[in-house]
Amino acid sequence: MQEQAERQRMGPPPVWDESARSDDAEEQWKSRAFDMAPDIASALGASPLALTADTRVRGVGILAETPVPVH
């Protein structure tokens, strides 16, 4: 939801639409999405930027894979 709202605020459609694609807008979105990632991770669990050598860890970490290759 946060990503879709920000994407819509920036101009591109909130859901991918190849017919409305703009290379400049997509590059701006990729940069913004990258910057948003730690905040979104914090809201959903733990930001990878907050982890240190002193962070207590229990269990197994999970890494999500995007369904579409990111270039």
N, C-alpha and C. Protein backbone atom coordinates (compact mmCIF):
# COMPACT_ATOMS: atom_id res chain seq x y z
N MET A 1 0.81 -1.18 0.00
CA MET A 1 0.00 0.00 0.00
C MET A 1 0.86 1.26 0.00
N GLN A 2 1.88 1.29 0.86
CA GLN A 2 2.74 2.47 0.92
C GLN A 2 3.43 2.69 -0.43
N GLU A 3 3.87 1.60 -1.06
CA GLU A 3 4.54 1.72 -2.34
C GLU A 3 3.59 2.24 -3.41
N GLN A 4 2.37 1.70 -3.44
CA GLN A 4 1.40 2.13 -4.45
C GLN A 4 1.04 3.60 -4.26
N ALA A 5 0.86 4.03 -3.02
CA ALA A 5 0.52 5.43 -2.76
C ALA A 5 1.65 6.35 -3.20
N GLU A 6 2.88 5.97 -2.91
CA GLU A 6 4.03 6.79 -3.30
C GLU A 6 4.19 6.79 -4.81
N ARG A 7 4.01 5.66 -5.43
CA ARG A 7 4.12 5.56 -6.90
C ARG A 7 3.08 6.47 -7.56
N GLN A 8 1.86 6.44 -7.04
CA GLN A 8 0.80 7.28 -7.59
C GLN A 8 1.12 8.76 -7.37
N ARG A 9 1.65 9.09 -6.19
CA ARG A 9 2.02 10.47 -5.90
C ARG A 9 3.08 10.97 -6.88
N MET A 10 4.00 10.08 -7.28
CA MET A 10 5.08 10.45 -8.19
C MET A 10 4.62 10.56 -9.64
N GLY A 11 3.49 9.96 -9.99
CA GLY A 11 2.99 10.10 -11.35
C GLY A 11 2.70 8.81 -12.09
N PRO A 12 3.59 7.79 -12.02
CA PRO A 12 3.26 6.54 -12.73
C PRO A 12 2.03 5.88 -12.12
N PRO A 13 1.32 5.07 -12.90
CA PRO A 13 0.17 4.37 -12.33
C PRO A 13 0.62 3.50 -11.15
N PRO A 14 -0.22 3.35 -10.12
CA PRO A 14 0.18 2.58 -8.94
C PRO A 14 0.41 1.10 -9.23
N VAL A 15 -0.18 0.59 -10.29
CA VAL A 15 0.01 -0.78 -10.71
C VAL A 15 0.65 -0.74 -12.10
N TRP A 16 1.63 -1.60 -12.33
CA TRP A 16 2.36 -1.61 -13.60
C TRP A 16 1.42 -1.63 -14.80
N ASP A 17 1.67 -0.75 -15.74
CA ASP A 17 0.88 -0.67 -16.96
C ASP A 17 1.85 -0.38 -18.10
N GLU A 18 2.16 -1.40 -18.89
CA GLU A 18 3.14 -1.27 -19.97
C GLU A 18 2.75 -0.17 -20.96
N SER A 19 1.44 0.02 -21.19
CA SER A 19 1.01 1.03 -22.17
C SER A 19 1.26 2.45 -21.67
N ALA A 20 1.42 2.64 -20.37
CA ALA A 20 1.66 3.97 -19.80
C ALA A 20 3.11 4.14 -19.37
N ARG A 21 3.96 3.23 -19.79
CA ARG A 21 5.36 3.23 -19.35
C ARG A 21 6.12 4.47 -19.83
N SER A 22 6.91 5.01 -18.92
CA SER A 22 7.82 6.11 -19.21
C SER A 22 9.16 5.74 -18.60
N ASP A 23 10.19 5.65 -19.43
CA ASP A 23 11.50 5.24 -18.91
C ASP A 23 12.00 6.18 -17.81
N ASP A 24 11.82 7.49 -17.99
CA ASP A 24 12.27 8.44 -16.97
C ASP A 24 11.50 8.24 -15.66
N ALA A 25 10.19 8.10 -15.77
CA ALA A 25 9.38 7.90 -14.56
C ALA A 25 9.73 6.60 -13.87
N GLU A 26 9.99 5.55 -14.64
CA GLU A 26 10.35 4.26 -14.05
C GLU A 26 11.70 4.33 -13.35
N GLU A 27 12.66 5.04 -13.92
CA GLU A 27 13.97 5.19 -13.28
C GLU A 27 13.83 5.96 -11.98
N GLN A 28 13.01 7.01 -11.98
CA GLN A 28 12.78 7.77 -10.76
C GLN A 28 12.11 6.88 -9.71
N TRP A 29 11.16 6.06 -10.16
CA TRP A 29 10.47 5.17 -9.24
C TRP A 29 11.42 4.14 -8.64
N LYS A 30 12.28 3.55 -9.45
CA LYS A 30 13.23 2.56 -8.95
C LYS A 30 14.11 3.17 -7.86
N SER A 31 14.55 4.39 -8.07
CA SER A 31 15.39 5.07 -7.09
C SER A 31 14.61 5.31 -5.80
N ARG A 32 13.38 5.79 -5.92
CA ARG A 32 12.55 6.07 -4.74
C ARG A 32 12.21 4.78 -3.99
N ALA A 33 11.87 3.73 -4.74
CA ALA A 33 11.53 2.45 -4.11
C ALA A 33 12.73 1.90 -3.33
N PHE A 34 13.92 2.04 -3.89
CA PHE A 34 15.13 1.61 -3.21
C PHE A 34 15.29 2.37 -1.89
N ASP A 35 15.04 3.68 -1.92
CA ASP A 35 15.16 4.50 -0.71
C ASP A 35 14.10 4.16 0.33
N MET A 36 12.91 3.72 -0.11
CA MET A 36 11.81 3.40 0.79
C MET A 36 11.98 2.03 1.46
N ALA A 37 12.78 1.17 0.88
CA ALA A 37 12.87 -0.23 1.33
C ALA A 37 13.17 -0.38 2.83
N PRO A 38 14.13 0.34 3.40
CA PRO A 38 14.39 0.16 4.84
C PRO A 38 13.20 0.55 5.71
N ASP A 39 12.49 1.63 5.34
CA ASP A 39 11.32 2.05 6.13
C ASP A 39 10.21 1.02 6.05
N ILE A 40 10.00 0.46 4.88
CA ILE A 40 8.96 -0.56 4.71
C ILE A 40 9.35 -1.81 5.48
N ALA A 41 10.62 -2.19 5.41
CA ALA A 41 11.08 -3.36 6.15
C ALA A 41 10.88 -3.15 7.65
N SER A 42 11.17 -1.96 8.15
CA SER A 42 10.97 -1.66 9.58
C SER A 42 9.50 -1.79 9.97
N ALA A 43 8.63 -1.31 9.10
CA ALA A 43 7.19 -1.37 9.40
C ALA A 43 6.68 -2.81 9.41
N LEU A 44 7.30 -3.67 8.62
CA LEU A 44 6.85 -5.06 8.51
C LEU A 44 7.62 -6.02 9.42
N GLY A 45 8.70 -5.57 10.00
CA GLY A 45 9.48 -6.46 10.86
C GLY A 45 10.72 -5.76 11.35
N ALA A 46 11.83 -5.94 10.64
CA ALA A 46 13.09 -5.32 11.04
C ALA A 46 13.81 -4.79 9.81
N SER A 47 14.32 -3.60 9.94
CA SER A 47 15.10 -3.03 8.84
C SER A 47 16.47 -3.67 8.82
N PRO A 48 16.94 -4.08 7.65
CA PRO A 48 18.29 -4.65 7.58
C PRO A 48 19.35 -3.63 7.97
N LEU A 49 19.02 -2.34 7.89
CA LEU A 49 19.99 -1.31 8.28
C LEU A 49 20.12 -1.18 9.80
N ALA A 50 19.17 -1.74 10.53
CA ALA A 50 19.21 -1.67 11.99
C ALA A 50 19.97 -2.84 12.61
N LEU A 51 20.31 -3.84 11.82
CA LEU A 51 21.00 -5.02 12.33
C LEU A 51 22.48 -4.72 12.56
N THR A 52 23.00 -5.19 13.67
CA THR A 52 24.42 -5.04 13.97
C THR A 52 24.97 -6.39 14.43
N ALA A 53 26.25 -6.42 14.72
CA ALA A 53 26.85 -7.65 15.23
C ALA A 53 26.28 -8.01 16.60
N ASP A 54 25.71 -7.04 17.29
CA ASP A 54 25.14 -7.29 18.62
C ASP A 54 23.66 -7.69 18.57
N THR A 55 23.07 -7.71 17.39
CA THR A 55 21.66 -8.08 17.25
C THR A 55 21.49 -9.56 17.57
N ARG A 56 20.57 -9.86 18.50
CA ARG A 56 20.30 -11.25 18.84
C ARG A 56 19.44 -11.85 17.74
N VAL A 57 19.83 -13.02 17.30
CA VAL A 57 19.13 -13.68 16.20
C VAL A 57 18.64 -15.04 16.67
N ARG A 58 17.42 -15.37 16.25
CA ARG A 58 16.86 -16.67 16.57
C ARG A 58 16.05 -17.11 15.35
N GLY A 59 16.15 -18.33 14.95
CA GLY A 59 15.39 -18.83 13.82
C GLY A 59 16.13 -18.67 12.51
N VAL A 60 15.37 -18.63 11.44
CA VAL A 60 15.93 -18.59 10.09
C VAL A 60 15.43 -17.35 9.37
N GLY A 61 16.32 -16.65 8.70
CA GLY A 61 15.93 -15.50 7.91
C GLY A 61 15.33 -15.94 6.57
N ILE A 62 14.47 -15.11 6.03
CA ILE A 62 13.84 -15.41 4.74
C ILE A 62 14.07 -14.24 3.81
N LEU A 63 14.45 -14.54 2.58
CA LEU A 63 14.66 -13.51 1.57
C LEU A 63 13.62 -13.71 0.47
N ALA A 64 12.88 -12.67 0.17
CA ALA A 64 11.86 -12.76 -0.87
C ALA A 64 12.49 -12.53 -2.24
N GLU A 65 11.96 -13.18 -3.23
CA GLU A 65 12.41 -12.99 -4.61
C GLU A 65 11.29 -12.36 -5.40
N THR A 66 11.64 -11.36 -6.20
CA THR A 66 10.61 -10.70 -7.00
C THR A 66 10.15 -11.64 -8.11
N PRO A 67 8.85 -11.58 -8.48
CA PRO A 67 8.36 -12.47 -9.51
C PRO A 67 8.85 -12.09 -10.91
N VAL A 68 9.27 -10.85 -11.08
CA VAL A 68 9.76 -10.37 -12.37
C VAL A 68 11.19 -9.95 -12.21
N PRO A 69 12.09 -10.36 -13.11
CA PRO A 69 13.49 -9.94 -12.97
C PRO A 69 13.62 -8.41 -12.94
N VAL A 70 14.43 -7.90 -12.04
CA VAL A 70 14.69 -6.47 -11.93
C VAL A 70 16.00 -6.20 -12.61
N HIS A 71 16.03 -5.22 -13.49
CA HIS A 71 17.26 -4.92 -14.22
C HIS A 71 17.97 -3.74 -13.63
